[in-house]
Structure formats: C-alpha cells, structure tokens
Amino acid sequence: MPAGDDGDSWWPLSWLRGTYFPLSVVDVDTTARTAHSLVMRASTRITVELTEEQAREVGLPLGSGHQVCGMLLDAEGEPVELLRIDTLTVPLRWLHPVDMPVSTSHHDASIRQIP
C-alpha cells in the first residue's frame, strides 16, 4: 500500500513491525488487499479543542477551531496514559486468528501490556 493511497501511510505502520496486537476488522478492501480496523491503545497524548472564549483570552483569531495538543501529566509531573480507540488500515497478510500461536520473534504490543 504505497503512501498517498486511501488508508494509513507506511510510516505509522512501521512502528508495529515485529509486534502482535488484537484489532477489530470493520471493513475489507479486497482490491487494495487491506483491512480497515479499530485498535485500542494507550497514549499520553491528548488534544483539547479551545472554546471561543479561551481562544479570545489568549489572543487567537476567533472561529478557527483551535486545538491544543500535548502530553497529559499528573500532579507529580508523571505522564498519564489514557485508553483510546483509533482506526488503522493494515495489509490483509497481517491478519491471523486470535487463537493462532504467534511467532516467538514478535512481541506483544496490545493494551494488556500497560501496567
């Protein structure tokens, strides 16, 4: 699936090389040989959309839908991981039944790895 095609680019998918993780397939594109899916993951990254009042208070132009993106920290300054559902398009060859044994050369990148 070359970059620029419908779906995820290879850059984010390259981070998943050598891992296994559960996902829920929601659609299959047999022509592109890809599966559109949902995957649960944890992230310290958050995005908050500013209200018009907040944008005005910090001097931003109104009506532009400003967002603040960053890392969520607790009171001690430690990162807080939140669960999120993301969409992911993967090659069909990546899919295997959940009960199929995985290669010992792959590591678990599923949400259950989170302490």
PDB file of N, CA and C in Angstrom:
ATOM      1  N   MET A   1       0.858  -1.171   0.000  1.00  0.00           N
ATOM      2  CA  MET A   1       0.000   0.000   0.000  1.00  0.00           C
ATOM      3  C   MET A   1       0.903   1.234   0.000  1.00  0.00           C
ATOM      4  N   PRO A   2       1.154   1.830  -1.114  1.00  0.00           N
ATOM      5  CA  PRO A   2       2.023   2.996  -1.184  1.00  0.00           C
ATOM      6  C   PRO A   2       1.440   4.197  -0.441  1.00  0.00           C
ATOM      7  N   ALA A   3       2.336   5.056   0.058  1.00  0.00           N
ATOM      8  CA  ALA A   3       1.893   6.290   0.717  1.00  0.00           C
ATOM      9  C   ALA A   3       1.052   7.084  -0.263  1.00  0.00           C
ATOM     10  N   GLY A   4       0.006   7.720   0.259  1.00  0.00           N
ATOM     11  CA  GLY A   4      -0.872   8.506  -0.588  1.00  0.00           C
ATOM     12  C   GLY A   4      -2.132   7.760  -0.973  1.00  0.00           C
ATOM     13  N   ASP A   5      -2.116   6.413  -0.841  1.00  0.00           N
ATOM     14  CA  ASP A   5      -3.333   5.654  -1.087  1.00  0.00           C
ATOM     15  C   ASP A   5      -4.284   5.877   0.064  1.00  0.00           C
ATOM     16  N   ASP A   6      -5.533   5.493  -0.143  1.00  0.00           N
ATOM     17  CA  ASP A   6      -6.528   5.583   0.920  1.00  0.00           C
ATOM     18  C   ASP A   6      -6.073   4.689   2.067  1.00  0.00           C
ATOM     19  N   GLY A   7      -6.029   5.213   3.262  1.00  0.00           N
ATOM     20  CA  GLY A   7      -5.600   4.431   4.417  1.00  0.00           C
ATOM     21  C   GLY A   7      -4.369   5.031   5.051  1.00  0.00           C
ATOM     22  N   ASP A   8      -3.840   4.316   6.021  1.00  0.00           N
ATOM     23  CA  ASP A   8      -2.681   4.793   6.754  1.00  0.00           C
ATOM     24  C   ASP A   8      -1.429   4.717   5.897  1.00  0.00           C
ATOM     25  N   SER A   9      -0.481   5.613   6.159  1.00  0.00           N
ATOM     26  CA  SER A   9       0.785   5.543   5.445  1.00  0.00           C
ATOM     27  C   SER A   9       1.641   4.456   6.081  1.00  0.00           C
ATOM     28  N   TRP A  10       2.705   4.093   5.420  1.00  0.00           N
ATOM     29  CA  TRP A  10       3.580   3.059   5.968  1.00  0.00           C
ATOM     30  C   TRP A  10       4.345   3.552   7.190  1.00  0.00           C
ATOM     31  N   TRP A  11       4.501   4.858   7.354  1.00  0.00           N
ATOM     32  CA  TRP A  11       5.255   5.376   8.495  1.00  0.00           C
ATOM     33  C   TRP A  11       4.677   4.914   9.831  1.00  0.00           C
ATOM     34  N   PRO A  12       3.373   5.167  10.124  1.00  0.00           N
ATOM     35  CA  PRO A  12       2.860   4.672  11.405  1.00  0.00           C
ATOM     36  C   PRO A  12       2.842   3.151  11.476  1.00  0.00           C
ATOM     37  N   LEU A  13       2.638   2.491  10.346  1.00  0.00           N
ATOM     38  CA  LEU A  13       2.625   1.033  10.360  1.00  0.00           C
ATOM     39  C   LEU A  13       4.005   0.461  10.658  1.00  0.00           C
ATOM     40  N   SER A  14       5.057   1.181  10.291  1.00  0.00           N
ATOM     41  CA  SER A  14       6.414   0.668  10.529  1.00  0.00           C
ATOM     42  C   SER A  14       6.699   0.519  12.017  1.00  0.00           C
ATOM     43  N   TRP A  15       6.029   1.303  12.863  1.00  0.00           N
ATOM     44  CA  TRP A  15       6.221   1.186  14.315  1.00  0.00           C
ATOM     45  C   TRP A  15       5.679  -0.138  14.840  1.00  0.00           C
ATOM     46  N   LEU A  16       4.794  -0.767  14.081  1.00  0.00           N
ATOM     47  CA  LEU A  16       4.173  -2.012  14.513  1.00  0.00           C
ATOM     48  C   LEU A  16       4.936  -3.250  14.049  1.00  0.00           C
ATOM     49  N   ARG A  17       5.980  -3.064  13.256  1.00  0.00           N
ATOM     50  CA  ARG A  17       6.750  -4.199  12.750  1.00  0.00           C
ATOM     51  C   ARG A  17       7.311  -5.006  13.923  1.00  0.00           C
ATOM     52  N   GLY A  18       7.164  -6.309  13.850  1.00  0.00           N
ATOM     53  CA  GLY A  18       7.700  -7.190  14.884  1.00  0.00           C
ATOM     54  C   GLY A  18       6.811  -7.306  16.110  1.00  0.00           C
ATOM     55  N   THR A  19       5.554  -6.863  16.000  1.00  0.00           N
ATOM     56  CA  THR A  19       4.639  -6.921  17.138  1.00  0.00           C
ATOM     57  C   THR A  19       3.388  -7.699  16.762  1.00  0.00           C
ATOM     58  N   TYR A  20       2.624  -8.052  17.771  1.00  0.00           N
ATOM     59  CA  TYR A  20       1.278  -8.569  17.544  1.00  0.00           C
ATOM     60  C   TYR A  20       0.340  -7.856  18.498  1.00  0.00           C
ATOM     61  N   PHE A  21      -0.908  -7.689  18.069  1.00  0.00           N
ATOM     62  CA  PHE A  21      -1.893  -6.949  18.847  1.00  0.00           C
ATOM     63  C   PHE A  21      -3.275  -7.275  18.317  1.00  0.00           C
ATOM     64  N   PRO A  22      -4.285  -7.260  19.188  1.00  0.00           N
ATOM     65  CA  PRO A  22      -5.650  -7.510  18.714  1.00  0.00           C
ATOM     66  C   PRO A  22      -6.226  -6.263  18.046  1.00  0.00           C
ATOM     67  N   LEU A  23      -7.055  -6.483  17.043  1.00  0.00           N
ATOM     68  CA  LEU A  23      -7.790  -5.392  16.410  1.00  0.00           C
ATOM     69  C   LEU A  23      -9.127  -5.936  15.950  1.00  0.00           C
ATOM     70  N   SER A  24     -10.053  -5.042  15.703  1.00  0.00           N
ATOM     71  CA  SER A  24     -11.383  -5.412  15.215  1.00  0.00           C
ATOM     72  C   SER A  24     -11.528  -4.923  13.783  1.00  0.00           C
ATOM     73  N   VAL A  25     -11.663  -5.854  12.863  1.00  0.00           N
ATOM     74  CA  VAL A  25     -11.815  -5.508  11.452  1.00  0.00           C
ATOM     75  C   VAL A  25     -13.242  -5.010  11.222  1.00  0.00           C
ATOM     76  N   VAL A  26     -13.355  -3.837  10.597  1.00  0.00           N
ATOM     77  CA  VAL A  26     -14.672  -3.269  10.317  1.00  0.00           C
ATOM     78  C   VAL A  26     -14.984  -3.247   8.827  1.00  0.00           C
ATOM     79  N   ASP A  27     -13.963  -3.397   7.971  1.00  0.00           N
ATOM     80  CA  ASP A  27     -14.177  -3.413   6.532  1.00  0.00           C
ATOM     81  C   ASP A  27     -12.946  -4.007   5.866  1.00  0.00           C
ATOM     82  N   VAL A  28     -13.149  -4.665   4.739  1.00  0.00           N
ATOM     83  CA  VAL A  28     -12.044  -5.247   3.979  1.00  0.00           C
ATOM     84  C   VAL A  28     -12.102  -4.701   2.562  1.00  0.00           C
ATOM     85  N   ASP A  29     -10.960  -4.227   2.074  1.00  0.00           N
ATOM     86  CA  ASP A  29     -10.834  -3.766   0.693  1.00  0.00           C
ATOM     87  C   ASP A  29     -10.045  -4.839  -0.052  1.00  0.00           C
ATOM     88  N   THR A  30     -10.755  -5.692  -0.794  1.00  0.00           N
ATOM     89  CA  THR A  30     -10.084  -6.804  -1.470  1.00  0.00           C
ATOM     90  C   THR A  30      -9.214  -6.325  -2.630  1.00  0.00           C
ATOM     91  N   THR A  31      -9.563  -5.194  -3.233  1.00  0.00           N
ATOM     92  CA  THR A  31      -8.750  -4.662  -4.328  1.00  0.00           C
ATOM     93  C   THR A  31      -7.395  -4.194  -3.808  1.00  0.00           C
ATOM     94  N   ALA A  32      -7.398  -3.430  -2.723  1.00  0.00           N
ATOM     95  CA  ALA A  32      -6.143  -2.932  -2.136  1.00  0.00           C
ATOM     96  C   ALA A  32      -5.506  -3.962  -1.212  1.00  0.00           C
ATOM     97  N   ARG A  33      -6.254  -5.049  -0.925  1.00  0.00           N
ATOM     98  CA  ARG A  33      -5.800  -6.110  -0.005  1.00  0.00           C
ATOM     99  C   ARG A  33      -5.447  -5.542   1.365  1.00  0.00           C
ATOM    100  N   THR A  34      -6.378  -4.723   1.889  1.00  0.00           N
ATOM    101  CA  THR A  34      -6.207  -4.125   3.210  1.00  0.00           C
ATOM    102  C   THR A  34      -7.450  -4.340   4.053  1.00  0.00           C
ATOM    103  N   ALA A  35      -7.263  -4.245   5.358  1.00  0.00           N
ATOM    104  CA  ALA A  35      -8.369  -4.323   6.312  1.00  0.00           C
ATOM    105  C   ALA A  35      -8.416  -3.021   7.081  1.00  0.00           C
ATOM    106  N   HIS A  36      -9.590  -2.425   7.142  1.00  0.00           N
ATOM    107  CA  HIS A  36      -9.806  -1.224   7.936  1.00  0.00           C
ATOM    108  C   HIS A  36     -10.279  -1.716   9.302  1.00  0.00           C
ATOM    109  N   SER A  37      -9.655  -1.233  10.340  1.00  0.00           N
ATOM    110  CA  SER A  37      -9.922  -1.807  11.655  1.00  0.00           C
ATOM    111  C   SER A  37      -9.910  -0.756  12.748  1.00  0.00           C
ATOM    112  N   LEU A  38     -10.321  -1.195  13.921  1.00  0.00           N
ATOM    113  CA  LEU A  38     -10.255  -0.396  15.138  1.00  0.00           C
ATOM    114  C   LEU A  38      -9.273  -1.086  16.072  1.00  0.00           C
ATOM    115  N   VAL A  39      -8.462  -0.305  16.742  1.00  0.00           N
ATOM    116  CA  VAL A  39      -7.491  -0.856  17.678  1.00  0.00           C
ATOM    117  C   VAL A  39      -7.484   0.004  18.938  1.00  0.00           C
ATOM    118  N   MET A  40      -7.419  -0.648  20.094  1.00  0.00           N
ATOM    119  CA  MET A  40      -7.355   0.088  21.353  1.00  0.00           C
ATOM    120  C   MET A  40      -5.893   0.213  21.748  1.00  0.00           C
ATOM    121  N   ARG A  41      -5.527   1.410  22.169  1.00  0.00           N
ATOM    122  CA  ARG A  41      -4.153   1.638  22.621  1.00  0.00           C
ATOM    123  C   ARG A  41      -4.158   2.669  23.730  1.00  0.00           C
ATOM    124  N   ALA A  42      -3.040   2.784  24.397  1.00  0.00           N
ATOM    125  CA  ALA A  42      -2.889   3.781  25.449  1.00  0.00           C
ATOM    126  C   ALA A  42      -1.985   4.891  24.936  1.00  0.00           C
ATOM    127  N   SER A  43      -2.258   6.087  25.376  1.00  0.00           N
ATOM    128  CA  SER A  43      -1.456   7.215  24.932  1.00  0.00           C
ATOM    129  C   SER A  43      -1.421   8.283  26.011  1.00  0.00           C
ATOM    130  N   THR A  44      -0.301   8.960  26.103  1.00  0.00           N
ATOM    131  CA  THR A  44      -0.190  10.119  26.990  1.00  0.00           C
ATOM    132  C   THR A  44      -0.546  11.394  26.236  1.00  0.00           C
ATOM    133  N   ARG A  45      -0.734  11.283  24.913  1.00  0.00           N
ATOM    134  CA  ARG A  45      -1.044  12.446  24.082  1.00  0.00           C
ATOM    135  C   ARG A  45      -2.530  12.757  24.148  1.00  0.00           C
ATOM    136  N   ILE A  46      -2.843  14.033  24.238  1.00  0.00           N
ATOM    137  CA  ILE A  46      -4.238  14.466  24.244  1.00  0.00           C
ATOM    138  C   ILE A  46      -4.393  15.663  23.312  1.00  0.00           C
ATOM    139  N   THR A  47      -5.611  15.871  22.869  1.00  0.00           N
ATOM    140  CA  THR A  47      -5.958  17.045  22.063  1.00  0.00           C
ATOM    141  C   THR A  47      -7.228  17.633  22.655  1.00  0.00           C
ATOM    142  N   VAL A  48      -7.180  18.932  22.930  1.00  0.00           N
ATOM    143  CA  VAL A  48      -8.325  19.632  23.506  1.00  0.00           C
ATOM    144  C   VAL A  48      -8.666  20.793  22.583  1.00  0.00           C
ATOM    145  N   GLU A  49      -9.928  20.865  22.173  1.00  0.00           N
ATOM    146  CA  GLU A  49     -10.365  21.978  21.334  1.00  0.00           C
ATOM    147  C   GLU A  49     -10.703  23.170  22.231  1.00  0.00           C
ATOM    148  N   LEU A  50     -10.170  24.342  21.873  1.00  0.00           N
ATOM    149  CA  LEU A  50     -10.424  25.550  22.654  1.00  0.00           C
ATOM    150  C   LEU A  50     -11.810  26.097  22.359  1.00  0.00           C
ATOM    151  N   THR A  51     -12.458  26.605  23.396  1.00  0.00           N
ATOM    152  CA  THR A  51     -13.722  27.319  23.195  1.00  0.00           C
ATOM    153  C   THR A  51     -13.396  28.683  22.600  1.00  0.00           C
ATOM    154  N   GLU A  52     -14.421  29.357  22.068  1.00  0.00           N
ATOM    155  CA  GLU A  52     -14.221  30.710  21.530  1.00  0.00           C
ATOM    156  C   GLU A  52     -13.682  31.635  22.623  1.00  0.00           C
ATOM    157  N   GLU A  53     -14.192  31.496  23.839  1.00  0.00           N
ATOM    158  CA  GLU A  53     -13.731  32.334  24.954  1.00  0.00           C
ATOM    159  C   GLU A  53     -12.262  32.082  25.267  1.00  0.00           C
ATOM    160  N   GLN A  54     -11.848  30.823  25.287  1.00  0.00           N
ATOM    161  CA  GLN A  54     -10.444  30.510  25.558  1.00  0.00           C
ATOM    162  C   GLN A  54      -9.545  31.054  24.455  1.00  0.00           C
ATOM    163  N   ALA A  55      -9.966  30.924  23.201  1.00  0.00           N
ATOM    164  CA  ALA A  55      -9.179  31.443  22.086  1.00  0.00           C
ATOM    165  C   ALA A  55      -9.033  32.954  22.200  1.00  0.00           C
ATOM    166  N   ARG A  56     -10.123  33.637  22.539  1.00  0.00           N
ATOM    167  CA  ARG A  56     -10.096  35.094  22.692  1.00  0.00           C
ATOM    168  C   ARG A  56      -9.136  35.486  23.821  1.00  0.00           C
ATOM    169  N   GLU A  57      -9.180  34.764  24.950  1.00  0.00           N
ATOM    170  CA  GLU A  57      -8.331  35.092  26.099  1.00  0.00           C
ATOM    171  C   GLU A  57      -6.842  35.002  25.782  1.00  0.00           C
ATOM    172  N   VAL A  58      -6.457  34.122  24.886  1.00  0.00           N
ATOM    173  CA  VAL A  58      -5.035  34.002  24.545  1.00  0.00           C
ATOM    174  C   VAL A  58      -4.674  34.731  23.253  1.00  0.00           C
ATOM    175  N   GLY A  59      -5.644  35.492  22.701  1.00  0.00           N
ATOM    176  CA  GLY A  59      -5.362  36.341  21.548  1.00  0.00           C
ATOM    177  C   GLY A  59      -5.371  35.646  20.207  1.00  0.00           C
ATOM    178  N   LEU A  60      -6.036  34.498  20.101  1.00  0.00           N
ATOM    179  CA  LEU A  60      -6.110  33.793  18.821  1.00  0.00           C
ATOM    180  C   LEU A  60      -7.310  34.274  18.019  1.00  0.00           C
ATOM    181  N   PRO A  61      -7.226  34.193  16.684  1.00  0.00           N
ATOM    182  CA  PRO A  61      -8.369  34.591  15.865  1.00  0.00           C
ATOM    183  C   PRO A  61      -9.572  33.705  16.176  1.00  0.00           C
ATOM    184  N   LEU A  62     -10.741  34.290  16.202  1.00  0.00           N
ATOM    185  CA  LEU A  62     -11.952  33.543  16.526  1.00  0.00           C
ATOM    186  C   LEU A  62     -12.440  32.765  15.316  1.00  0.00           C
ATOM    187  N   GLY A  63     -13.175  31.686  15.589  1.00  0.00           N
ATOM    188  CA  GLY A  63     -13.797  30.895  14.539  1.00  0.00           C
ATOM    189  C   GLY A  63     -12.871  29.966  13.796  1.00  0.00           C
ATOM    190  N   SER A  64     -11.706  29.692  14.324  1.00  0.00           N
ATOM    191  CA  SER A  64     -10.763  28.848  13.597  1.00  0.00           C
ATOM    192  C   SER A  64     -10.664  27.425  14.144  1.00  0.00           C
ATOM    193  N   GLY A  65     -11.402  27.091  15.210  1.00  0.00           N
ATOM    194  CA  GLY A  65     -11.353  25.739  15.754  1.00  0.00           C
ATOM    195  C   GLY A  65      -9.982  25.357  16.276  1.00  0.00           C
ATOM    196  N   HIS A  66      -9.390  26.218  17.080  1.00  0.00           N
ATOM    197  CA  HIS A  66      -8.045  25.965  17.607  1.00  0.00           C
ATOM    198  C   HIS A  66      -8.030  24.770  18.539  1.00  0.00           C
ATOM    199  N   GLN A  67      -6.925  24.030  18.497  1.00  0.00           N
ATOM    200  CA  GLN A  67      -6.730  22.880  19.363  1.00  0.00           C
ATOM    201  C   GLN A  67      -5.385  22.994  20.059  1.00  0.00           C
ATOM    202  N   VAL A  68      -5.336  22.443  21.263  1.00  0.00           N
ATOM    203  CA  VAL A  68      -4.079  22.331  21.992  1.00  0.00           C
ATOM    204  C   VAL A  68      -3.758  20.846  22.053  1.00  0.00           C
ATOM    205  N   CYS A  69      -2.570  20.477  21.603  1.00  0.00           N
ATOM    206  CA  CYS A  69      -2.134  19.082  21.624  1.00  0.00           C
ATOM    207  C   CYS A  69      -0.919  18.981  22.537  1.00  0.00           C
ATOM    208  N   GLY A  70      -0.860  17.922  23.293  1.00  0.00           N
ATOM    209  CA  GLY A  70       0.289  17.742  24.169  1.00  0.00           C
ATOM    210  C   GLY A  70       0.196  16.472  24.968  1.00  0.00           C
ATOM    211  N   MET A  71       0.946  16.443  26.066  1.00  0.00           N
ATOM    212  CA  MET A  71       1.018  15.283  26.925  1.00  0.00           C
ATOM    213  C   MET A  71       0.281  15.563  28.225  1.00  0.00           C
ATOM    214  N   LEU A  72      -0.501  14.595  28.685  1.00  0.00           N
ATOM    215  CA  LEU A  72      -1.223  14.719  29.936  1.00  0.00           C
ATOM    216  C   LEU A  72      -0.316  14.272  31.080  1.00  0.00           C
ATOM    217  N   LEU A  73      -0.137  15.145  32.067  1.00  0.00           N
ATOM    218  CA  LEU A  73       0.705  14.844  33.225  1.00  0.00           C
ATOM    219  C   LEU A  73      -0.135  14.875  34.490  1.00  0.00           C
ATOM    220  N   ASP A  74       0.242  14.051  35.477  1.00  0.00           N
ATOM    221  CA  ASP A  74      -0.456  14.077  36.764  1.00  0.00           C
ATOM    222  C   ASP A  74       0.138  15.168  37.645  1.00  0.00           C
ATOM    223  N   ALA A  75      -0.329  15.264  38.892  1.00  0.00           N
ATOM    224  CA  ALA A  75       0.104  16.324  39.810  1.00  0.00           C
ATOM    225  C   ALA A  75       1.603  16.269  40.092  1.00  0.00           C
ATOM    226  N   GLU A  76       2.204  15.092  39.963  1.00  0.00           N
ATOM    227  CA  GLU A  76       3.646  14.943  40.200  1.00  0.00           C
ATOM    228  C   GLU A  76       4.475  15.137  38.926  1.00  0.00           C
ATOM    229  N   GLY A  77       3.799  15.457  37.827  1.00  0.00           N
ATOM    230  CA  GLY A  77       4.504  15.660  36.561  1.00  0.00           C
ATOM    231  C   GLY A  77       4.779  14.384  35.793  1.00  0.00           C
ATOM    232  N   GLU A  78       4.156  13.277  36.196  1.00  0.00           N
ATOM    233  CA  GLU A  78       4.339  11.998  35.511  1.00  0.00           C
ATOM    234  C   GLU A  78       3.287  11.847  34.406  1.00  0.00           C
ATOM    235  N   PRO A  79       3.664  11.248  33.272  1.00  0.00           N
ATOM    236  CA  PRO A  79       2.695  11.046  32.187  1.00  0.00           C
ATOM    237  C   PRO A  79       1.549  10.129  32.611  1.00  0.00           C
ATOM    238  N   VAL A  80       0.346  10.469  32.169  1.00  0.00           N
ATOM    239  CA  VAL A  80      -0.853   9.678  32.436  1.00  0.00           C
ATOM    240  C   VAL A  80      -1.270   9.040  31.115  1.00  0.00           C
ATOM    241  N   GLU A  81      -1.445   7.709  31.112  1.00  0.00           N
ATOM    242  CA  GLU A  81      -1.876   7.020  29.908  1.00  0.00           C
ATOM    243  C   GLU A  81      -3.391   6.866  29.909  1.00  0.00           C
ATOM    244  N   LEU A  82      -4.014   7.261  28.817  1.00  0.00           N
ATOM    245  CA  LEU A  82      -5.451   7.116  28.630  1.00  0.00           C
ATOM    246  C   LEU A  82      -5.702   6.133  27.493  1.00  0.00           C
ATOM    247  N   LEU A  83      -6.749   5.338  27.626  1.00  0.00           N
ATOM    248  CA  LEU A  83      -7.124   4.423  26.551  1.00  0.00           C
ATOM    249  C   LEU A  83      -7.834   5.197  25.456  1.00  0.00           C
ATOM    250  N   ARG A  84      -7.566   4.806  24.223  1.00  0.00           N
ATOM    251  CA  ARG A  84      -8.241   5.424  23.095  1.00  0.00           C
ATOM    252  C   ARG A  84      -8.446   4.385  22.012  1.00  0.00           C
ATOM    253  N   ILE A  85      -9.451   4.621  21.190  1.00  0.00           N
ATOM    254  CA  ILE A  85      -9.741   3.762  20.048  1.00  0.00           C
ATOM    255  C   ILE A  85      -9.311   4.524  18.796  1.00  0.00           C
ATOM    256  N   ASP A  86      -8.482   3.891  17.990  1.00  0.00           N
ATOM    257  CA  ASP A  86      -8.017   4.505  16.748  1.00  0.00           C
ATOM    258  C   ASP A  86      -8.369   3.618  15.575  1.00  0.00           C
ATOM    259  N   THR A  87      -8.436   4.223  14.397  1.00  0.00           N
ATOM    260  CA  THR A  87      -8.606   3.446  13.176  1.00  0.00           C
ATOM    261  C   THR A  87      -7.229   3.100  12.639  1.00  0.00           C
ATOM    262  N   LEU A  88      -7.154   1.977  11.968  1.00  0.00           N
ATOM    263  CA  LEU A  88      -5.884   1.521  11.423  1.00  0.00           C
ATOM    264  C   LEU A  88      -6.185   0.703  10.183  1.00  0.00           C
ATOM    265  N   THR A  89      -5.460   0.953   9.114  1.00  0.00           N
ATOM    266  CA  THR A  89      -5.575   0.162   7.895  1.00  0.00           C
ATOM    267  C   THR A  89      -4.307  -0.655   7.762  1.00  0.00           C
ATOM    268  N   VAL A  90      -4.477  -1.977   7.700  1.00  0.00           N
ATOM    269  CA  VAL A  90      -3.315  -2.873   7.649  1.00  0.00           C
ATOM    270  C   VAL A  90      -3.439  -3.808   6.450  1.00  0.00           C
ATOM    271  N   PRO A  91      -2.309  -4.326   5.967  1.00  0.00           N
ATOM    272  CA  PRO A  91      -2.359  -5.325   4.889  1.00  0.00           C
ATOM    273  C   PRO A  91      -3.070  -6.587   5.378  1.00  0.00           C
ATOM    274  N   LEU A  92      -3.838  -7.211   4.511  1.00  0.00           N
ATOM    275  CA  LEU A  92      -4.556  -8.434   4.885  1.00  0.00           C
ATOM    276  C   LEU A  92      -3.607  -9.525   5.370  1.00  0.00           C
ATOM    277  N   ARG A  93      -2.389  -9.566   4.840  1.00  0.00           N
ATOM    278  CA  ARG A  93      -1.452 -10.613   5.235  1.00  0.00           C
ATOM    279  C   ARG A  93      -1.057 -10.520   6.713  1.00  0.00           C
ATOM    280  N   TRP A  94      -1.320  -9.370   7.350  1.00  0.00           N
ATOM    281  CA  TRP A  94      -1.024  -9.218   8.776  1.00  0.00           C
ATOM    282  C   TRP A  94      -2.049  -9.922   9.661  1.00  0.00           C
ATOM    283  N   LEU A  95      -3.212 -10.233   9.126  1.00  0.00           N
ATOM    284  CA  LEU A  95      -4.297 -10.760   9.951  1.00  0.00           C
ATOM    285  C   LEU A  95      -4.141 -12.251  10.209  1.00  0.00           C
ATOM    286  N   HIS A  96      -4.365 -12.628  11.458  1.00  0.00           N
ATOM    287  CA  HIS A  96      -4.330 -14.022  11.885  1.00  0.00           C
ATOM    288  C   HIS A  96      -5.411 -14.207  12.934  1.00  0.00           C
ATOM    289  N   PRO A  97      -5.990 -15.395  13.026  1.00  0.00           N
ATOM    290  CA  PRO A  97      -6.978 -15.625  14.077  1.00  0.00           C
ATOM    291  C   PRO A  97      -6.367 -15.403  15.460  1.00  0.00           C
ATOM    292  N   VAL A  98      -7.187 -14.956  16.393  1.00  0.00           N
ATOM    293  CA  VAL A  98      -6.721 -14.651  17.748  1.00  0.00           C
ATOM    294  C   VAL A  98      -6.102 -15.869  18.413  1.00  0.00           C
ATOM    295  N   ASP A  99      -6.640 -17.050  18.144  1.00  0.00           N
ATOM    296  CA  ASP A  99      -6.141 -18.248  18.817  1.00  0.00           C
ATOM    297  C   ASP A  99      -4.932 -18.877  18.120  1.00  0.00           C
ATOM    298  N   MET A 100      -4.445 -18.269  17.042  1.00  0.00           N
ATOM    299  CA  MET A 100      -3.274 -18.781  16.334  1.00  0.00           C
ATOM    300  C   MET A 100      -2.005 -18.401  17.094  1.00  0.00           C
ATOM    301  N   PRO A 101      -1.105 -19.352  17.335  1.00  0.00           N
ATOM    302  CA  PRO A 101       0.144 -19.017  18.025  1.00  0.00           C
ATOM    303  C   PRO A 101       0.940 -17.971  17.233  1.00  0.00           C
ATOM    304  N   VAL A 102       1.581 -17.072  17.957  1.00  0.00           N
ATOM    305  CA  VAL A 102       2.369 -16.027  17.306  1.00  0.00           C
ATOM    306  C   VAL A 102       3.829 -16.412  17.297  1.00  0.00           C
ATOM    307  N   SER A 103       4.558 -15.809  16.399  1.00  0.00           N
ATOM    308  CA  SER A 103       5.991 -16.071  16.293  1.00  0.00           C
ATOM    309  C   SER A 103       6.703 -15.617  17.565  1.00  0.00           C
ATOM    310  N   THR A 104       7.668 -16.388  18.006  1.00  0.00           N
ATOM    311  CA  THR A 104       8.441 -16.002  19.199  1.00  0.00           C
ATOM    312  C   THR A 104       9.320 -14.787  18.926  1.00  0.00           C
ATOM    313  N   SER A 105       9.492 -14.430  17.653  1.00  0.00           N
ATOM    314  CA  SER A 105      10.293 -13.246  17.324  1.00  0.00           C
ATOM    315  C   SER A 105       9.485 -11.958  17.438  1.00  0.00           C
ATOM    316  N   HIS A 106       8.166 -12.064  17.636  1.00  0.00           N
ATOM    317  CA  HIS A 106       7.303 -10.895  17.767  1.00  0.00           C
ATOM    318  C   HIS A 106       7.008 -10.639  19.239  1.00  0.00           C
ATOM    319  N   HIS A 107       6.770  -9.369  19.595  1.00  0.00           N
ATOM    320  CA  HIS A 107       6.409  -9.055  20.978  1.00  0.00           C
ATOM    321  C   HIS A 107       4.994  -8.486  21.046  1.00  0.00           C
ATOM    322  N   ASP A 108       4.410  -8.605  22.217  1.00  0.00           N
ATOM    323  CA  ASP A 108       3.030  -8.196  22.459  1.00  0.00           C
ATOM    324  C   ASP A 108       2.949  -6.675  22.550  1.00  0.00           C
ATOM    325  N   ALA A 109       2.229  -6.071  21.630  1.00  0.00           N
ATOM    326  CA  ALA A 109       2.025  -4.613  21.635  1.00  0.00           C
ATOM    327  C   ALA A 109       0.582  -4.277  21.978  1.00  0.00           C
ATOM    328  N   SER A 110      -0.104  -5.216  22.615  1.00  0.00           N
ATOM    329  CA  SER A 110      -1.510  -4.992  22.943  1.00  0.00           C
ATOM    330  C   SER A 110      -1.644  -4.119  24.187  1.00  0.00           C
ATOM    331  N   ILE A 111      -2.845  -3.685  24.426  1.00  0.00           N
ATOM    332  CA  ILE A 111      -3.151  -2.808  25.549  1.00  0.00           C
ATOM    333  C   ILE A 111      -2.891  -3.509  26.874  1.00  0.00           C
ATOM    334  N   ARG A 112      -2.948  -4.839  26.915  1.00  0.00           N
ATOM    335  CA  ARG A 112      -2.730  -5.540  28.174  1.00  0.00           C
ATOM    336  C   ARG A 112      -1.289  -5.457  28.652  1.00  0.00           C
ATOM    337  N   GLN A 113      -0.392  -4.913  27.828  1.00  0.00           N
ATOM    338  CA  GLN A 113       0.990  -4.701  28.226  1.00  0.00           C
ATOM    339  C   GLN A 113       1.135  -3.483  29.152  1.00  0.00           C
ATOM    340  N   ILE A 114       0.079  -2.702  29.281  1.00  0.00           N
ATOM    341  CA  ILE A 114       0.143  -1.480  30.079  1.00  0.00           C
ATOM    342  C   ILE A 114      -0.010  -1.832  31.551  1.00  0.00           C
ATOM    343  N   PRO A 115       0.929  -1.383  32.391  1.00  0.00           N
ATOM    344  CA  PRO A 115       0.837  -1.716  33.823  1.00  0.00           C
ATOM    345  C   PRO A 115      -0.364  -1.072  34.475  1.00  0.00           C
TER     346      PRO A 115
END
